[in-house]
């Protein structure tokens, strides 16, 4: 009887030690795990995996545009979003080759949208028209989400696609502002703009704003292989 109790205690101790090991590994590799999840979902929702018909349907889906509901990109937030595993409406893709950005664009600014890519800030905005405004989180590590956005230089090319056209913009503004300075997402008469927004640092009190003016619109079927490659799109498919 004593031997059975002893074996039972050993089994509980072993389980407890295993749990401690798992928790310890999660704490040690916290950022690495978070980055793997962000990468995985960025690829999962990549615009190259959709069709034009998918995007047209997604443009009509319900979405949240409540920017006040967005919370910082903490590990807890990432893990929670992964657990919820929502099927988000992808409406396009954004690429800034000079700084290594290639992300899906989601309809709305649900927190998951800003964790896996960029989100549209207004329900009725259209690529190549008005002021197409996007937001994304600033990740802890270099190269994730909109972390490299502030490295964009005046004159750099910014590409958007809705799988009908490739919209090329030229960066004309890179500025850090207060959250209350919302004039940059307003319409500007006679101008076709893209405006990209993220925090100036993790939990930062300011915002990085990069803006570009529309340079050209090219049907996807006529786009150069190099440009399609910025979105990891296969020229043979189009």
C-alpha atoms as a PDB file:
ATOM      1  CA  UNK A   1       0.000   0.000   0.000  1.00  0.00           C
ATOM      2  CA  UNK A   2       2.819   2.367   0.905  1.00  0.00           C
ATOM      3  CA  UNK A   3       4.552   1.593  -2.385  1.00  0.00           C
ATOM      4  CA  UNK A   4       1.396   2.556  -4.307  1.00  0.00           C
ATOM      5  CA  UNK A   5       1.135   5.856  -2.402  1.00  0.00           C
ATOM      6  CA  UNK A   6       4.821   6.501  -3.035  1.00  0.00           C
ATOM      7  CA  UNK A   7       4.398   5.863  -6.775  1.00  0.00           C
ATOM      8  CA  UNK A   8       1.344   8.124  -6.785  1.00  0.00           C
ATOM      9  CA  UNK A   9       3.285  10.974  -5.175  1.00  0.00           C
ATOM     10  CA  UNK A  10       6.143  10.511  -7.637  1.00  0.00           C
ATOM     11  CA  UNK A  11       3.686  10.677 -10.523  1.00  0.00           C
ATOM     12  CA  UNK A  12       2.211  13.947  -9.213  1.00  0.00           C
ATOM     13  CA  UNK A  13       5.679  15.403  -8.642  1.00  0.00           C
ATOM     14  CA  UNK A  14       6.726  14.461 -12.163  1.00  0.00           C
ATOM     15  CA  UNK A  15       3.622  16.092 -13.639  1.00  0.00           C
ATOM     16  CA  UNK A  16       4.264  19.214 -11.564  1.00  0.00           C
ATOM     17  CA  UNK A  17       7.900  19.356 -12.703  1.00  0.00           C
ATOM     18  CA  UNK A  18       6.834  18.897 -16.328  1.00  0.00           C
ATOM     19  CA  UNK A  19       4.382  21.784 -16.018  1.00  0.00           C
ATOM     20  CA  UNK A  20       7.109  23.957 -14.504  1.00  0.00           C
ATOM     21  CA  UNK A  21       9.385  23.053 -17.409  1.00  0.00           C
ATOM     22  CA  UNK A  22       6.739  23.958 -19.968  1.00  0.00           C
ATOM     23  CA  UNK A  23       5.996  27.273 -18.229  1.00  0.00           C
ATOM     24  CA  UNK A  24       9.718  28.002 -18.011  1.00  0.00           C
ATOM     25  CA  UNK A  25      10.240  27.320 -21.712  1.00  0.00           C
ATOM     26  CA  UNK A  26       7.295  29.561 -22.616  1.00  0.00           C
ATOM     27  CA  UNK A  27       8.752  32.386 -20.506  1.00  0.00           C
ATOM     28  CA  UNK A  28      12.247  31.961 -21.969  1.00  0.00           C
ATOM     29  CA  UNK A  29      11.092  31.704 -25.584  1.00  0.00           C
ATOM     30  CA  UNK A  30       8.137  34.048 -25.204  1.00  0.00           C
ATOM     31  CA  UNK A  31       9.049  36.446 -28.024  1.00  0.00           C
ATOM     32  CA  UNK A  32      10.158  33.661 -30.358  1.00  0.00           C
ATOM     33  CA  UNK A  33       6.828  31.862 -29.939  1.00  0.00           C
ATOM     34  CA  UNK A  34       4.919  35.094 -30.479  1.00  0.00           C
ATOM     35  CA  UNK A  35       6.876  35.835 -33.658  1.00  0.00           C
ATOM     36  CA  UNK A  36       6.223  32.344 -34.997  1.00  0.00           C
ATOM     37  CA  UNK A  37       2.484  32.871 -34.458  1.00  0.00           C
ATOM     38  CA  UNK A  38       2.551  36.290 -36.176  1.00  0.00           C
ATOM     39  CA  UNK A  39       4.499  34.833 -39.116  1.00  0.00           C
ATOM     40  CA  UNK A  40       2.187  31.836 -39.360  1.00  0.00           C
ATOM     41  CA  UNK A  41      -0.940  33.967 -39.521  1.00  0.00           C
ATOM     42  CA  UNK A  42       0.592  36.469 -41.927  1.00  0.00           C
ATOM     43  CA  UNK A  43       1.223  33.568 -44.300  1.00  0.00           C
ATOM     44  CA  UNK A  44      -2.153  31.979 -43.576  1.00  0.00           C
ATOM     45  CA  UNK A  45      -3.996  35.153 -44.637  1.00  0.00           C
ATOM     46  CA  UNK A  46      -1.562  36.176 -47.413  1.00  0.00           C
ATOM     47  CA  UNK A  47      -3.280  37.849 -50.357  1.00  0.00           C
ATOM     48  CA  UNK A  48      -1.469  35.448 -52.708  1.00  0.00           C
ATOM     49  CA  UNK A  49      -3.674  32.623 -51.372  1.00  0.00           C
ATOM     50  CA  UNK A  50      -6.923  34.352 -52.327  1.00  0.00           C
ATOM     51  CA  UNK A  51      -8.830  35.055 -55.518  1.00  0.00           C
ATOM     52  CA  UNK A  52     -10.381  38.308 -56.658  1.00  0.00           C
ATOM     53  CA  UNK A  53     -13.794  36.743 -55.946  1.00  0.00           C
ATOM     54  CA  UNK A  54     -12.746  36.099 -52.321  1.00  0.00           C
ATOM     55  CA  UNK A  55     -11.794  39.741 -51.879  1.00  0.00           C
ATOM     56  CA  UNK A  56     -15.047  41.035 -53.375  1.00  0.00           C
ATOM     57  CA  UNK A  57     -16.988  38.917 -50.871  1.00  0.00           C
ATOM     58  CA  UNK A  58     -14.776  40.014 -47.971  1.00  0.00           C
ATOM     59  CA  UNK A  59     -15.313  43.683 -48.791  1.00  0.00           C
ATOM     60  CA  UNK A  60     -18.984  43.226 -47.851  1.00  0.00           C
ATOM     61  CA  UNK A  61     -18.403  41.457 -44.531  1.00  0.00           C
ATOM     62  CA  UNK A  62     -19.040  42.934 -41.103  1.00  0.00           C
ATOM     63  CA  UNK A  63     -15.972  44.404 -39.385  1.00  0.00           C
ATOM     64  CA  UNK A  64     -15.056  46.549 -36.399  1.00  0.00           C
ATOM     65  CA  UNK A  65     -13.763  50.066 -37.018  1.00  0.00           C
ATOM     66  CA  UNK A  66     -13.503  50.957 -33.323  1.00  0.00           C
ATOM     67  CA  UNK A  67      -9.850  51.954 -32.957  1.00  0.00           C
ATOM     68  CA  UNK A  68     -10.391  52.613 -29.249  1.00  0.00           C
ATOM     69  CA  UNK A  69     -10.906  48.870 -28.726  1.00  0.00           C
ATOM     70  CA  UNK A  70      -7.421  48.012 -29.992  1.00  0.00           C
ATOM     71  CA  UNK A  71      -4.972  46.833 -27.301  1.00  0.00           C
ATOM     72  CA  UNK A  72      -1.138  46.618 -27.420  1.00  0.00           C
ATOM     73  CA  UNK A  73       0.519  43.656 -29.136  1.00  0.00           C
ATOM     74  CA  UNK A  74       1.541  41.806 -25.982  1.00  0.00           C
ATOM     75  CA  UNK A  75       2.283  38.078 -25.879  1.00  0.00           C
ATOM     76  CA  UNK A  76      -0.984  37.548 -24.026  1.00  0.00           C
ATOM     77  CA  UNK A  77      -2.881  39.342 -26.797  1.00  0.00           C
ATOM     78  CA  UNK A  78      -1.168  37.282 -29.505  1.00  0.00           C
ATOM     79  CA  UNK A  79      -1.812  33.966 -27.729  1.00  0.00           C
ATOM     80  CA  UNK A  80      -5.461  34.897 -27.094  1.00  0.00           C
ATOM     81  CA  UNK A  81      -5.979  35.865 -30.745  1.00  0.00           C
ATOM     82  CA  UNK A  82      -4.404  32.601 -31.884  1.00  0.00           C
ATOM     83  CA  UNK A  83      -6.678  30.649 -29.565  1.00  0.00           C
ATOM     84  CA  UNK A  84      -9.775  32.390 -30.957  1.00  0.00           C
ATOM     85  CA  UNK A  85      -8.630  31.543 -34.517  1.00  0.00           C
ATOM     86  CA  UNK A  86     -11.046  33.939 -36.241  1.00  0.00           C
ATOM     87  CA  UNK A  87     -11.584  33.855 -40.006  1.00  0.00           C
ATOM     88  CA  UNK A  88     -10.794  37.474 -40.840  1.00  0.00           C
ATOM     89  CA  UNK A  89     -11.858  39.228 -44.075  1.00  0.00           C
ATOM     90  CA  UNK A  90      -8.781  39.845 -46.248  1.00  0.00           C
ATOM     91  CA  UNK A  91      -9.340  42.660 -48.764  1.00  0.00           C
ATOM     92  CA  UNK A  92      -5.850  42.997 -50.210  1.00  0.00           C
ATOM     93  CA  UNK A  93      -2.146  43.207 -49.537  1.00  0.00           C
ATOM     94  CA  UNK A  94       0.488  45.868 -48.861  1.00  0.00           C
ATOM     95  CA  UNK A  95       4.175  45.707 -49.728  1.00  0.00           C
ATOM     96  CA  UNK A  96       6.984  48.182 -49.122  1.00  0.00           C
ATOM     97  CA  UNK A  97       9.999  46.355 -50.593  1.00  0.00           C
ATOM     98  CA  UNK A  98      12.614  48.828 -49.329  1.00  0.00           C
ATOM     99  CA  UNK A  99      11.807  48.051 -45.673  1.00  0.00           C
ATOM    100  CA  UNK A 100      10.661  44.447 -46.051  1.00  0.00           C
ATOM    101  CA  UNK A 101       6.938  44.882 -45.430  1.00  0.00           C
ATOM    102  CA  UNK A 102       4.569  42.362 -47.042  1.00  0.00           C
ATOM    103  CA  UNK A 103       1.292  41.970 -45.163  1.00  0.00           C
ATOM    104  CA  UNK A 104      -2.328  41.063 -45.753  1.00  0.00           C
ATOM    105  CA  UNK A 105      -4.862  43.880 -45.504  1.00  0.00           C
ATOM    106  CA  UNK A 106      -7.985  43.120 -43.475  1.00  0.00           C
ATOM    107  CA  UNK A 107     -11.304  44.917 -43.477  1.00  0.00           C
ATOM    108  CA  UNK A 108     -11.556  46.874 -40.213  1.00  0.00           C
ATOM    109  CA  UNK A 109      -9.301  47.292 -37.206  1.00  0.00           C
ATOM    110  CA  UNK A 110     -10.202  44.288 -35.074  1.00  0.00           C
ATOM    111  CA  UNK A 111      -7.261  43.606 -32.806  1.00  0.00           C
ATOM    112  CA  UNK A 112      -6.481  40.331 -34.605  1.00  0.00           C
ATOM    113  CA  UNK A 113      -6.330  42.210 -37.908  1.00  0.00           C
ATOM    114  CA  UNK A 114      -3.568  44.466 -36.573  1.00  0.00           C
ATOM    115  CA  UNK A 115      -1.703  41.457 -35.143  1.00  0.00           C
ATOM    116  CA  UNK A 116      -1.611  39.461 -38.391  1.00  0.00           C
ATOM    117  CA  UNK A 117      -1.412  42.328 -40.889  1.00  0.00           C
ATOM    118  CA  UNK A 118      -2.823  45.804 -41.515  1.00  0.00           C
ATOM    119  CA  UNK A 119      -6.435  46.944 -41.095  1.00  0.00           C
ATOM    120  CA  UNK A 120      -8.550  49.454 -43.004  1.00  0.00           C
ATOM    121  CA  UNK A 121      -9.566  52.390 -40.829  1.00  0.00           C
ATOM    122  CA  UNK A 122     -12.832  53.285 -42.571  1.00  0.00           C
ATOM    123  CA  UNK A 123     -15.621  51.097 -43.977  1.00  0.00           C
ATOM    124  CA  UNK A 124     -15.985  52.769 -47.370  1.00  0.00           C
ATOM    125  CA  UNK A 125     -12.378  53.328 -48.426  1.00  0.00           C
ATOM    126  CA  UNK A 126     -11.153  52.104 -51.818  1.00  0.00           C
ATOM    127  CA  UNK A 127      -7.657  51.464 -53.107  1.00  0.00           C
ATOM    128  CA  UNK A 128      -6.534  54.075 -55.603  1.00  0.00           C
ATOM    129  CA  UNK A 129      -9.128  56.600 -54.403  1.00  0.00           C
ATOM    130  CA  UNK A 130      -9.335  59.200 -51.639  1.00  0.00           C
ATOM    131  CA  UNK A 131      -7.080  58.635 -48.622  1.00  0.00           C
ATOM    132  CA  UNK A 132      -6.670  54.878 -48.145  1.00  0.00           C
ATOM    133  CA  UNK A 133      -5.719  54.595 -44.470  1.00  0.00           C
ATOM    134  CA  UNK A 134      -4.217  51.511 -42.810  1.00  0.00           C
ATOM    135  CA  UNK A 135      -3.035  50.741 -39.282  1.00  0.00           C
ATOM    136  CA  UNK A 136      -1.006  47.901 -37.808  1.00  0.00           C
ATOM    137  CA  UNK A 137       0.753  47.074 -34.569  1.00  0.00           C
ATOM    138  CA  UNK A 138       4.396  47.791 -33.954  1.00  0.00           C
ATOM    139  CA  UNK A 139       6.004  44.458 -33.049  1.00  0.00           C
ATOM    140  CA  UNK A 140       8.688  43.979 -30.392  1.00  0.00           C
ATOM    141  CA  UNK A 141      11.212  42.516 -32.822  1.00  0.00           C
ATOM    142  CA  UNK A 142      12.599  43.947 -36.041  1.00  0.00           C
ATOM    143  CA  UNK A 143      10.853  43.145 -39.292  1.00  0.00           C
ATOM    144  CA  UNK A 144       7.421  42.198 -37.946  1.00  0.00           C
ATOM    145  CA  UNK A 145       4.152  43.950 -38.846  1.00  0.00           C
ATOM    146  CA  UNK A 146       4.679  47.749 -39.134  1.00  0.00           C
ATOM    147  CA  UNK A 147       7.848  47.773 -36.989  1.00  0.00           C
ATOM    148  CA  UNK A 148      10.001  48.853 -40.011  1.00  0.00           C
ATOM    149  CA  UNK A 149       7.521  51.520 -41.143  1.00  0.00           C
ATOM    150  CA  UNK A 150       9.509  54.448 -39.746  1.00  0.00           C
ATOM    151  CA  UNK A 151      12.485  53.393 -41.913  1.00  0.00           C
ATOM    152  CA  UNK A 152      10.524  54.297 -45.046  1.00  0.00           C
ATOM    153  CA  UNK A 153      12.186  57.136 -46.939  1.00  0.00           C
ATOM    154  CA  UNK A 154      10.684  59.821 -49.137  1.00  0.00           C
ATOM    155  CA  UNK A 155      10.489  58.439 -52.668  1.00  0.00           C
ATOM    156  CA  UNK A 156      10.157  54.783 -51.643  1.00  0.00           C
ATOM    157  CA  UNK A 157       7.525  52.758 -53.483  1.00  0.00           C
ATOM    158  CA  UNK A 158       4.440  51.536 -51.578  1.00  0.00           C
ATOM    159  CA  UNK A 159       2.360  48.884 -53.312  1.00  0.00           C
ATOM    160  CA  UNK A 160      -1.232  47.831 -52.657  1.00  0.00           C
ATOM    161  CA  UNK A 161      -3.240  45.151 -54.422  1.00  0.00           C
ATOM    162  CA  UNK A 162      -6.853  44.001 -54.385  1.00  0.00           C
ATOM    163  CA  UNK A 163      -6.028  41.257 -56.934  1.00  0.00           C
ATOM    164  CA  UNK A 164      -7.653  43.354 -59.651  1.00  0.00           C
ATOM    165  CA  UNK A 165      -4.945  46.014 -59.818  1.00  0.00           C
ATOM    166  CA  UNK A 166      -1.552  46.867 -58.406  1.00  0.00           C
ATOM    167  CA  UNK A 167      -1.575  50.397 -56.977  1.00  0.00           C
ATOM    168  CA  UNK A 168       1.847  52.023 -56.735  1.00  0.00           C
ATOM    169  CA  UNK A 169       2.265  54.991 -54.413  1.00  0.00           C
ATOM    170  CA  UNK A 170       5.351  57.120 -53.808  1.00  0.00           C
ATOM    171  CA  UNK A 171       6.162  57.969 -50.179  1.00  0.00           C
ATOM    172  CA  UNK A 172       5.928  61.724 -49.597  1.00  0.00           C
ATOM    173  CA  UNK A 173       5.772  61.964 -45.784  1.00  0.00           C
ATOM    174  CA  UNK A 174       7.283  60.233 -42.760  1.00  0.00           C
ATOM    175  CA  UNK A 175       6.425  61.948 -39.492  1.00  0.00           C
ATOM    176  CA  UNK A 176       5.869  61.180 -35.809  1.00  0.00           C
ATOM    177  CA  UNK A 177       2.775  62.813 -34.331  1.00  0.00           C
ATOM    178  CA  UNK A 178       0.460  62.791 -31.317  1.00  0.00           C
ATOM    179  CA  UNK A 179      -2.581  60.478 -31.484  1.00  0.00           C
ATOM    180  CA  UNK A 180      -4.810  63.555 -31.549  1.00  0.00           C
ATOM    181  CA  UNK A 181      -3.293  64.735 -34.851  1.00  0.00           C
ATOM    182  CA  UNK A 182      -5.799  62.933 -37.038  1.00  0.00           C
ATOM    183  CA  UNK A 183      -5.658  65.293 -39.997  1.00  0.00           C
ATOM    184  CA  UNK A 184      -3.394  62.851 -41.857  1.00  0.00           C
ATOM    185  CA  UNK A 185      -6.233  60.360 -42.376  1.00  0.00           C
ATOM    186  CA  UNK A 186      -8.620  62.972 -43.719  1.00  0.00           C
ATOM    187  CA  UNK A 187      -9.465  63.307 -47.408  1.00  0.00           C
ATOM    188  CA  UNK A 188      -7.364  65.781 -49.395  1.00  0.00           C
ATOM    189  CA  UNK A 189      -9.062  67.385 -52.426  1.00  0.00           C
ATOM    190  CA  UNK A 190      -7.635  66.261 -55.783  1.00  0.00           C
ATOM    191  CA  UNK A 191      -5.195  63.822 -54.168  1.00  0.00           C
ATOM    192  CA  UNK A 192      -5.147  60.023 -54.058  1.00  0.00           C
ATOM    193  CA  UNK A 193      -3.209  58.938 -50.991  1.00  0.00           C
ATOM    194  CA  UNK A 194      -2.247  55.985 -48.860  1.00  0.00           C
ATOM    195  CA  UNK A 195      -1.680  56.657 -45.150  1.00  0.00           C
ATOM    196  CA  UNK A 196       0.006  54.100 -42.890  1.00  0.00           C
ATOM    197  CA  UNK A 197      -0.031  54.371 -39.093  1.00  0.00           C
ATOM    198  CA  UNK A 198       1.645  52.562 -36.190  1.00  0.00           C
ATOM    199  CA  UNK A 199       3.011  53.363 -32.724  1.00  0.00           C
ATOM    200  CA  UNK A 200       6.384  55.099 -32.521  1.00  0.00           C
ATOM    201  CA  UNK A 201       7.533  52.420 -30.049  1.00  0.00           C
ATOM    202  CA  UNK A 202       6.025  49.552 -28.061  1.00  0.00           C
ATOM    203  CA  UNK A 203       3.310  51.132 -25.947  1.00  0.00           C
ATOM    204  CA  UNK A 204       4.381  54.473 -27.377  1.00  0.00           C
ATOM    205  CA  UNK A 205       2.364  57.622 -26.825  1.00  0.00           C
ATOM    206  CA  UNK A 206       2.981  58.891 -30.357  1.00  0.00           C
ATOM    207  CA  UNK A 207       2.243  57.600 -33.843  1.00  0.00           C
ATOM    208  CA  UNK A 208       4.402  57.100 -36.919  1.00  0.00           C
ATOM    209  CA  UNK A 209       2.608  58.290 -40.053  1.00  0.00           C
ATOM    210  CA  UNK A 210       3.862  57.420 -43.531  1.00  0.00           C
ATOM    211  CA  UNK A 211       1.944  58.819 -46.461  1.00  0.00           C
ATOM    212  CA  UNK A 212       2.254  58.323 -50.203  1.00  0.00           C
ATOM    213  CA  UNK A 213       0.677  59.685 -53.368  1.00  0.00           C
ATOM    214  CA  UNK A 214      -0.707  57.458 -56.112  1.00  0.00           C
ATOM    215  CA  UNK A 215       1.734  57.073 -58.995  1.00  0.00           C
ATOM    216  CA  UNK A 216       0.181  54.359 -61.161  1.00  0.00           C
ATOM    217  CA  UNK A 217      -2.512  51.686 -61.404  1.00  0.00           C
ATOM    218  CA  UNK A 218      -1.665  48.473 -63.272  1.00  0.00           C
ATOM    219  CA  UNK A 219      -3.991  45.504 -63.849  1.00  0.00           C
ATOM    220  CA  UNK A 220      -2.623  42.447 -62.051  1.00  0.00           C
ATOM    221  CA  UNK A 221      -2.529  40.524 -65.327  1.00  0.00           C
ATOM    222  CA  UNK A 222      -0.206  43.164 -66.789  1.00  0.00           C
ATOM    223  CA  UNK A 223       2.020  43.652 -63.731  1.00  0.00           C
ATOM    224  CA  UNK A 224       5.725  42.866 -63.887  1.00  0.00           C
ATOM    225  CA  UNK A 225       6.885  39.612 -62.302  1.00  0.00           C
ATOM    226  CA  UNK A 226       9.088  41.607 -59.914  1.00  0.00           C
ATOM    227  CA  UNK A 227       6.107  43.562 -58.579  1.00  0.00           C
ATOM    228  CA  UNK A 228       3.972  40.439 -58.190  1.00  0.00           C
ATOM    229  CA  UNK A 229       6.908  38.931 -56.325  1.00  0.00           C
ATOM    230  CA  UNK A 230       6.640  41.637 -53.650  1.00  0.00           C
ATOM    231  CA  UNK A 231       3.380  39.915 -52.638  1.00  0.00           C
ATOM    232  CA  UNK A 232       4.784  36.416 -53.302  1.00  0.00           C
ATOM    233  CA  UNK A 233       2.291  36.085 -56.144  1.00  0.00           C
ATOM    234  CA  UNK A 234       3.097  33.641 -58.946  1.00  0.00           C
ATOM    235  CA  UNK A 235       3.076  35.358 -62.341  1.00  0.00           C
ATOM    236  CA  UNK A 236       1.936  32.096 -64.007  1.00  0.00           C
ATOM    237  CA  UNK A 237      -1.214  32.121 -61.889  1.00  0.00           C
ATOM    238  CA  UNK A 238      -2.257  35.506 -63.220  1.00  0.00           C
END
